[in-house]
Amino acid sequence: MARRIAIRQEPTVAALRLQNVSVHLDDGPAIVSDTDVVVMPGERVLHAGKPGSGKGTLGRAIAGRWPRGRRDHDVHV
């Protein structure tokens, strides 16, 4: 019986990379401040929090639809 060796190459490009992200609410306070996040292809992420904690705001900021804050990010689909 022949043996097979499988070599799995890990992806090198992040599916989502956030660097130095800061997101502020309308009334001023930061919900995220100078945060770095890397999500690799195939990884699962749970974005959870209490109602009104800024989950939707962070999603809009990642999508480029939130004007308050600073972001440097890459999204690969």
PDB file of N, CA and C in Angstrom:
ATOM      1  N   MET A   1       0.833  -1.164   0.000  1.00  0.00           N
ATOM      2  CA  MET A   1       0.000   0.000   0.000  1.00  0.00           C
ATOM      3  C   MET A   1       0.895   1.251   0.000  1.00  0.00           C
ATOM      4  N   ALA A   2       0.660   2.123  -0.968  1.00  0.00           N
ATOM      5  CA  ALA A   2       1.453   3.340  -1.086  1.00  0.00           C
ATOM      6  C   ALA A   2       0.958   4.388  -0.093  1.00  0.00           C
ATOM      7  N   ARG A   3       1.896   5.094   0.465  1.00  0.00           N
ATOM      8  CA  ARG A   3       1.543   6.178   1.384  1.00  0.00           C
ATOM      9  C   ARG A   3       1.539   7.493   0.620  1.00  0.00           C
ATOM     10  N   ARG A   4       0.602   8.336   0.962  1.00  0.00           N
ATOM     11  CA  ARG A   4       0.524   9.651   0.348  1.00  0.00           C
ATOM     12  C   ARG A   4       0.802  10.708   1.406  1.00  0.00           C
ATOM     13  N   ILE A   5       1.524  11.687   0.993  1.00  0.00           N
ATOM     14  CA  ILE A   5       1.797  12.809   1.884  1.00  0.00           C
ATOM     15  C   ILE A   5       1.053  14.007   1.332  1.00  0.00           C
ATOM     16  N   ALA A   6       0.207  14.562   2.138  1.00  0.00           N
ATOM     17  CA  ALA A   6      -0.548  15.743   1.732  1.00  0.00           C
ATOM     18  C   ALA A   6       0.117  16.982   2.332  1.00  0.00           C
ATOM     19  N   ILE A   7       0.362  17.941   1.491  1.00  0.00           N
ATOM     20  CA  ILE A   7       0.929  19.205   1.945  1.00  0.00           C
ATOM     21  C   ILE A   7      -0.145  20.258   1.793  1.00  0.00           C
ATOM     22  N   ARG A   8      -0.513  20.810   2.899  1.00  0.00           N
ATOM     23  CA  ARG A   8      -1.545  21.838   2.892  1.00  0.00           C
ATOM     24  C   ARG A   8      -0.881  23.197   3.002  1.00  0.00           C
ATOM     25  N   GLN A   9      -1.100  24.013   2.007  1.00  0.00           N
ATOM     26  CA  GLN A   9      -0.510  25.336   2.015  1.00  0.00           C
ATOM     27  C   GLN A   9      -1.502  26.313   2.628  1.00  0.00           C
ATOM     28  N   GLU A  10      -1.065  26.963   3.672  1.00  0.00           N
ATOM     29  CA  GLU A  10      -1.919  27.937   4.347  1.00  0.00           C
ATOM     30  C   GLU A  10      -2.014  29.203   3.503  1.00  0.00           C
ATOM     31  N   PRO A  11      -3.201  29.814   3.452  1.00  0.00           N
ATOM     32  CA  PRO A  11      -3.332  31.074   2.726  1.00  0.00           C
ATOM     33  C   PRO A  11      -2.462  32.152   3.354  1.00  0.00           C
ATOM     34  N   THR A  12      -1.895  33.003   2.518  1.00  0.00           N
ATOM     35  CA  THR A  12      -1.037  34.063   3.032  1.00  0.00           C
ATOM     36  C   THR A  12      -1.717  35.423   2.989  1.00  0.00           C
ATOM     37  N   VAL A  13      -2.841  35.517   2.294  1.00  0.00           N
ATOM     38  CA  VAL A  13      -3.557  36.788   2.189  1.00  0.00           C
ATOM     39  C   VAL A  13      -4.765  36.743   3.115  1.00  0.00           C
ATOM     40  N   ALA A  14      -4.865  37.729   3.974  1.00  0.00           N
ATOM     41  CA  ALA A  14      -5.993  37.785   4.907  1.00  0.00           C
ATOM     42  C   ALA A  14      -7.279  38.090   4.151  1.00  0.00           C
ATOM     43  N   ALA A  15      -8.379  37.484   4.605  1.00  0.00           N
ATOM     44  CA  ALA A  15      -9.690  37.800   4.045  1.00  0.00           C
ATOM     45  C   ALA A  15     -10.126  39.180   4.524  1.00  0.00           C
ATOM     46  N   LEU A  16      -9.735  39.533   5.732  1.00  0.00           N
ATOM     47  CA  LEU A  16     -10.043  40.848   6.297  1.00  0.00           C
ATOM     48  C   LEU A  16      -8.882  41.264   7.180  1.00  0.00           C
ATOM     49  N   ARG A  17      -8.353  42.436   6.941  1.00  0.00           N
ATOM     50  CA  ARG A  17      -7.262  42.964   7.769  1.00  0.00           C
ATOM     51  C   ARG A  17      -7.614  44.403   8.148  1.00  0.00           C
ATOM     52  N   LEU A  18      -7.702  44.644   9.440  1.00  0.00           N
ATOM     53  CA  LEU A  18      -7.956  45.986   9.964  1.00  0.00           C
ATOM     54  C   LEU A  18      -6.704  46.430  10.701  1.00  0.00           C
ATOM     55  N   GLN A  19      -6.222  47.623  10.390  1.00  0.00           N
ATOM     56  CA  GLN A  19      -5.034  48.129  11.053  1.00  0.00           C
ATOM     57  C   GLN A  19      -5.305  49.548  11.552  1.00  0.00           C
ATOM     58  N   ASN A  20      -4.993  49.767  12.810  1.00  0.00           N
ATOM     59  CA  ASN A  20      -5.155  51.085  13.433  1.00  0.00           C
ATOM     60  C   ASN A  20      -6.558  51.659  13.221  1.00  0.00           C
ATOM     61  N   VAL A  21      -7.569  50.826  13.428  1.00  0.00           N
ATOM     62  CA  VAL A  21      -8.950  51.256  13.215  1.00  0.00           C
ATOM     63  C   VAL A  21      -9.485  51.937  14.462  1.00  0.00           C
ATOM     64  N   SER A  22     -10.093  53.095  14.261  1.00  0.00           N
ATOM     65  CA  SER A  22     -10.798  53.806  15.321  1.00  0.00           C
ATOM     66  C   SER A  22     -12.169  54.183  14.779  1.00  0.00           C
ATOM     67  N   VAL A  23     -13.221  53.916  15.550  1.00  0.00           N
ATOM     68  CA  VAL A  23     -14.583  54.237  15.133  1.00  0.00           C
ATOM     69  C   VAL A  23     -15.256  54.990  16.268  1.00  0.00           C
ATOM     70  N   HIS A  24     -15.866  56.122  15.921  1.00  0.00           N
ATOM     71  CA  HIS A  24     -16.522  56.970  16.917  1.00  0.00           C
ATOM     72  C   HIS A  24     -18.015  57.046  16.632  1.00  0.00           C
ATOM     73  N   LEU A  25     -18.815  57.107  17.694  1.00  0.00           N
ATOM     74  CA  LEU A  25     -20.253  57.287  17.566  1.00  0.00           C
ATOM     75  C   LEU A  25     -20.571  58.738  17.223  1.00  0.00           C
ATOM     76  N   ASP A  26     -21.832  58.983  16.864  1.00  0.00           N
ATOM     77  CA  ASP A  26     -22.267  60.344  16.519  1.00  0.00           C
ATOM     78  C   ASP A  26     -21.962  61.351  17.621  1.00  0.00           C
ATOM     79  N   ASP A  27     -22.142  60.933  18.879  1.00  0.00           N
ATOM     80  CA  ASP A  27     -21.961  61.869  19.988  1.00  0.00           C
ATOM     81  C   ASP A  27     -20.530  61.907  20.511  1.00  0.00           C
ATOM     82  N   GLY A  28     -19.591  61.247  19.808  1.00  0.00           N
ATOM     83  CA  GLY A  28     -18.187  61.411  20.128  1.00  0.00           C
ATOM     84  C   GLY A  28     -17.410  60.246  20.689  1.00  0.00           C
ATOM     85  N   PRO A  29     -17.967  59.413  21.591  1.00  0.00           N
ATOM     86  CA  PRO A  29     -17.131  58.380  22.195  1.00  0.00           C
ATOM     87  C   PRO A  29     -16.692  57.321  21.184  1.00  0.00           C
ATOM     88  N   ALA A  30     -15.490  56.799  21.406  1.00  0.00           N
ATOM     89  CA  ALA A  30     -14.960  55.746  20.538  1.00  0.00           C
ATOM     90  C   ALA A  30     -15.524  54.399  20.958  1.00  0.00           C
ATOM     91  N   ILE A  31     -15.995  53.606  19.973  1.00  0.00           N
ATOM     92  CA  ILE A  31     -16.403  52.230  20.275  1.00  0.00           C
ATOM     93  C   ILE A  31     -15.258  51.277  19.952  1.00  0.00           C
ATOM     94  N   VAL A  32     -14.339  51.714  19.098  1.00  0.00           N
ATOM     95  CA  VAL A  32     -13.124  50.972  18.776  1.00  0.00           C
ATOM     96  C   VAL A  32     -12.009  52.005  18.689  1.00  0.00           C
ATOM     97  N   SER A  33     -10.862  51.697  19.275  1.00  0.00           N
ATOM     98  CA  SER A  33      -9.769  52.656  19.269  1.00  0.00           C
ATOM     99  C   SER A  33      -8.450  51.955  18.954  1.00  0.00           C
ATOM    100  N   ASP A  34      -7.810  52.368  17.858  1.00  0.00           N
ATOM    101  CA  ASP A  34      -6.498  51.848  17.445  1.00  0.00           C
ATOM    102  C   ASP A  34      -6.423  50.321  17.509  1.00  0.00           C
ATOM    103  N   THR A  35      -7.341  49.667  16.823  1.00  0.00           N
ATOM    104  CA  THR A  35      -7.465  48.216  16.868  1.00  0.00           C
ATOM    105  C   THR A  35      -6.904  47.577  15.610  1.00  0.00           C
ATOM    106  N   ASP A  36      -6.255  46.427  15.770  1.00  0.00           N
ATOM    107  CA  ASP A  36      -5.764  45.619  14.653  1.00  0.00           C
ATOM    108  C   ASP A  36      -6.463  44.265  14.698  1.00  0.00           C
ATOM    109  N   VAL A  37      -6.959  43.812  13.545  1.00  0.00           N
ATOM    110  CA  VAL A  37      -7.625  42.510  13.447  1.00  0.00           C
ATOM    111  C   VAL A  37      -7.213  41.865  12.128  1.00  0.00           C
ATOM    112  N   VAL A  38      -6.932  40.567  12.153  1.00  0.00           N
ATOM    113  CA  VAL A  38      -6.647  39.813  10.934  1.00  0.00           C
ATOM    114  C   VAL A  38      -7.536  38.581  10.942  1.00  0.00           C
ATOM    115  N   VAL A  39      -8.320  38.408   9.872  1.00  0.00           N
ATOM    116  CA  VAL A  39      -9.159  37.220   9.702  1.00  0.00           C
ATOM    117  C   VAL A  39      -8.689  36.525   8.433  1.00  0.00           C
ATOM    118  N   MET A  40      -8.235  35.297   8.577  1.00  0.00           N
ATOM    119  CA  MET A  40      -7.737  34.538   7.439  1.00  0.00           C
ATOM    120  C   MET A  40      -8.888  33.787   6.760  1.00  0.00           C
ATOM    121  N   PRO A  41      -8.743  33.455   5.477  1.00  0.00           N
ATOM    122  CA  PRO A  41      -9.794  32.700   4.781  1.00  0.00           C
ATOM    123  C   PRO A  41     -10.134  31.418   5.538  1.00  0.00           C
ATOM    124  N   GLY A  42     -11.411  31.162   5.678  1.00  0.00           N
ATOM    125  CA  GLY A  42     -11.878  29.963   6.371  1.00  0.00           C
ATOM    126  C   GLY A  42     -12.082  30.148   7.863  1.00  0.00           C
ATOM    127  N   GLU A  43     -11.537  31.211   8.445  1.00  0.00           N
ATOM    128  CA  GLU A  43     -11.754  31.459   9.864  1.00  0.00           C
ATOM    129  C   GLU A  43     -13.158  31.977  10.086  1.00  0.00           C
ATOM    130  N   ARG A  44     -13.703  31.675  11.233  1.00  0.00           N
ATOM    131  CA  ARG A  44     -15.032  32.153  11.602  1.00  0.00           C
ATOM    132  C   ARG A  44     -14.901  33.173  12.714  1.00  0.00           C
ATOM    133  N   VAL A  45     -15.713  34.214  12.617  1.00  0.00           N
ATOM    134  CA  VAL A  45     -15.652  35.297  13.597  1.00  0.00           C
ATOM    135  C   VAL A  45     -17.062  35.576  14.090  1.00  0.00           C
ATOM    136  N   LEU A  46     -17.217  35.709  15.385  1.00  0.00           N
ATOM    137  CA  LEU A  46     -18.490  36.100  15.978  1.00  0.00           C
ATOM    138  C   LEU A  46     -18.366  37.531  16.455  1.00  0.00           C
ATOM    139  N   HIS A  47     -19.217  38.379  15.945  1.00  0.00           N
ATOM    140  CA  HIS A  47     -19.229  39.793  16.306  1.00  0.00           C
ATOM    141  C   HIS A  47     -20.471  39.985  17.174  1.00  0.00           C
ATOM    142  N   ALA A  48     -20.303  39.952  18.475  1.00  0.00           N
ATOM    143  CA  ALA A  48     -21.439  39.961  19.392  1.00  0.00           C
ATOM    144  C   ALA A  48     -21.330  41.118  20.382  1.00  0.00           C
ATOM    145  N   GLY A  49     -22.466  41.522  20.898  1.00  0.00           N
ATOM    146  CA  GLY A  49     -22.494  42.568  21.909  1.00  0.00           C
ATOM    147  C   GLY A  49     -23.922  42.933  22.249  1.00  0.00           C
ATOM    148  N   LYS A  50     -24.063  43.732  23.270  1.00  0.00           N
ATOM    149  CA  LYS A  50     -25.384  44.183  23.697  1.00  0.00           C
ATOM    150  C   LYS A  50     -25.973  45.113  22.646  1.00  0.00           C
ATOM    151  N   PRO A  51     -27.316  45.240  22.629  1.00  0.00           N
ATOM    152  CA  PRO A  51     -27.936  46.203  21.708  1.00  0.00           C
ATOM    153  C   PRO A  51     -27.386  47.610  21.956  1.00  0.00           C
ATOM    154  N   GLY A  52     -27.060  48.290  20.876  1.00  0.00           N
ATOM    155  CA  GLY A  52     -26.549  49.649  20.987  1.00  0.00           C
ATOM    156  C   GLY A  52     -25.069  49.751  21.309  1.00  0.00           C
ATOM    157  N   SER A  53     -24.344  48.614  21.296  1.00  0.00           N
ATOM    158  CA  SER A  53     -22.923  48.651  21.665  1.00  0.00           C
ATOM    159  C   SER A  53     -22.006  49.013  20.499  1.00  0.00           C
ATOM    160  N   GLY A  54     -22.552  49.101  19.280  1.00  0.00           N
ATOM    161  CA  GLY A  54     -21.737  49.533  18.147  1.00  0.00           C
ATOM    162  C   GLY A  54     -21.420  48.460  17.119  1.00  0.00           C
ATOM    163  N   LYS A  55     -22.098  47.321  17.189  1.00  0.00           N
ATOM    164  CA  LYS A  55     -21.839  46.240  16.222  1.00  0.00           C
ATOM    165  C   LYS A  55     -22.117  46.694  14.790  1.00  0.00           C
ATOM    166  N   GLY A  56     -23.276  47.292  14.590  1.00  0.00           N
ATOM    167  CA  GLY A  56     -23.644  47.768  13.253  1.00  0.00           C
ATOM    168  C   GLY A  56     -22.755  48.912  12.794  1.00  0.00           C
ATOM    169  N   THR A  57     -22.381  49.769  13.722  1.00  0.00           N
ATOM    170  CA  THR A  57     -21.501  50.895  13.400  1.00  0.00           C
ATOM    171  C   THR A  57     -20.145  50.381  12.933  1.00  0.00           C
ATOM    172  N   LEU A  58     -19.610  49.381  13.620  1.00  0.00           N
ATOM    173  CA  LEU A  58     -18.334  48.800  13.214  1.00  0.00           C
ATOM    174  C   LEU A  58     -18.453  48.164  11.833  1.00  0.00           C
ATOM    175  N   GLY A  59     -19.548  47.459  11.578  1.00  0.00           N
ATOM    176  CA  GLY A  59     -19.767  46.867  10.259  1.00  0.00           C
ATOM    177  C   GLY A  59     -19.822  47.928   9.174  1.00  0.00           C
ATOM    178  N   ARG A  60     -20.509  49.023   9.440  1.00  0.00           N
ATOM    179  CA  ARG A  60     -20.570  50.122   8.463  1.00  0.00           C
ATOM    180  C   ARG A  60     -19.194  50.752   8.268  1.00  0.00           C
ATOM    181  N   ALA A  61     -18.419  50.863   9.324  1.00  0.00           N
ATOM    182  CA  ALA A  61     -17.072  51.430   9.200  1.00  0.00           C
ATOM    183  C   ALA A  61     -16.184  50.541   8.333  1.00  0.00           C
ATOM    184  N   ILE A  62     -16.274  49.226   8.527  1.00  0.00           N
ATOM    185  CA  ILE A  62     -15.493  48.297   7.712  1.00  0.00           C
ATOM    186  C   ILE A  62     -15.894  48.411   6.250  1.00  0.00           C
ATOM    187  N   ALA A  63     -17.197  48.604   6.004  1.00  0.00           N
ATOM    188  CA  ALA A  63     -17.706  48.728   4.636  1.00  0.00           C
ATOM    189  C   ALA A  63     -17.445  50.107   4.039  1.00  0.00           C
ATOM    190  N   GLY A  64     -16.900  51.030   4.841  1.00  0.00           N
ATOM    191  CA  GLY A  64     -16.616  52.373   4.346  1.00  0.00           C
ATOM    192  C   GLY A  64     -17.816  53.293   4.352  1.00  0.00           C
ATOM    193  N   ARG A  65     -18.842  52.951   5.123  1.00  0.00           N
ATOM    194  CA  ARG A  65     -20.067  53.743   5.162  1.00  0.00           C
ATOM    195  C   ARG A  65     -20.258  54.484   6.478  1.00  0.00           C
ATOM    196  N   TRP A  66     -19.189  54.667   7.233  1.00  0.00           N
ATOM    197  CA  TRP A  66     -19.273  55.404   8.493  1.00  0.00           C
ATOM    198  C   TRP A  66     -18.199  56.485   8.476  1.00  0.00           C
ATOM    199  N   PRO A  67     -18.588  57.747   8.512  1.00  0.00           N
ATOM    200  CA  PRO A  67     -17.627  58.835   8.305  1.00  0.00           C
ATOM    201  C   PRO A  67     -16.775  59.195   9.512  1.00  0.00           C
ATOM    202  N   ARG A  68     -17.135  58.744  10.702  1.00  0.00           N
ATOM    203  CA  ARG A  68     -16.425  59.170  11.904  1.00  0.00           C
ATOM    204  C   ARG A  68     -15.422  58.113  12.349  1.00  0.00           C
ATOM    205  N   GLY A  69     -14.178  58.439  12.221  1.00  0.00           N
ATOM    206  CA  GLY A  69     -13.134  57.534  12.667  1.00  0.00           C
ATOM    207  C   GLY A  69     -12.010  57.454  11.657  1.00  0.00           C
ATOM    208  N   ARG A  70     -11.116  56.530  11.896  1.00  0.00           N
ATOM    209  CA  ARG A  70      -9.949  56.338  11.036  1.00  0.00           C
ATOM    210  C   ARG A  70      -9.850  54.852  10.732  1.00  0.00           C
ATOM    211  N   ARG A  71      -9.568  54.532   9.468  1.00  0.00           N
ATOM    212  CA  ARG A  71      -9.445  53.115   9.141  1.00  0.00           C
ATOM    213  C   ARG A  71      -8.383  52.913   8.082  1.00  0.00           C
ATOM    214  N   ASP A  72      -7.731  51.801   8.180  1.00  0.00           N
ATOM    215  CA  ASP A  72      -6.791  51.331   7.179  1.00  0.00           C
ATOM    216  C   ASP A  72      -7.051  49.841   7.102  1.00  0.00           C
ATOM    217  N   HIS A  73      -7.772  49.409   6.063  1.00  0.00           N
ATOM    218  CA  HIS A  73      -8.129  48.001   6.030  1.00  0.00           C
ATOM    219  C   HIS A  73      -8.171  47.474   4.607  1.00  0.00           C
ATOM    220  N   ASP A  74      -8.041  46.160   4.510  1.00  0.00           N
ATOM    221  CA  ASP A  74      -8.149  45.434   3.249  1.00  0.00           C
ATOM    222  C   ASP A  74      -9.218  44.376   3.419  1.00  0.00           C
ATOM    223  N   VAL A  75     -10.059  44.219   2.405  1.00  0.00           N
ATOM    224  CA  VAL A  75     -11.062  43.158   2.404  1.00  0.00           C
ATOM    225  C   VAL A  75     -10.874  42.381   1.107  1.00  0.00           C
ATOM    226  N   HIS A  76     -10.635  41.083   1.213  1.00  0.00           N
ATOM    227  CA  HIS A  76     -10.496  40.215   0.040  1.00  0.00           C
ATOM    228  C   HIS A  76     -11.646  39.231   0.052  1.00  0.00           C
ATOM    229  N   VAL A  77     -12.383  39.180  -1.051  1.00  0.00           N
ATOM    230  CA  VAL A  77     -13.531  38.275  -1.121  1.00  0.00           C
ATOM    231  C   VAL A  77     -13.197  37.113  -2.017  1.00  0.00           C
TER     232      VAL A  77
END
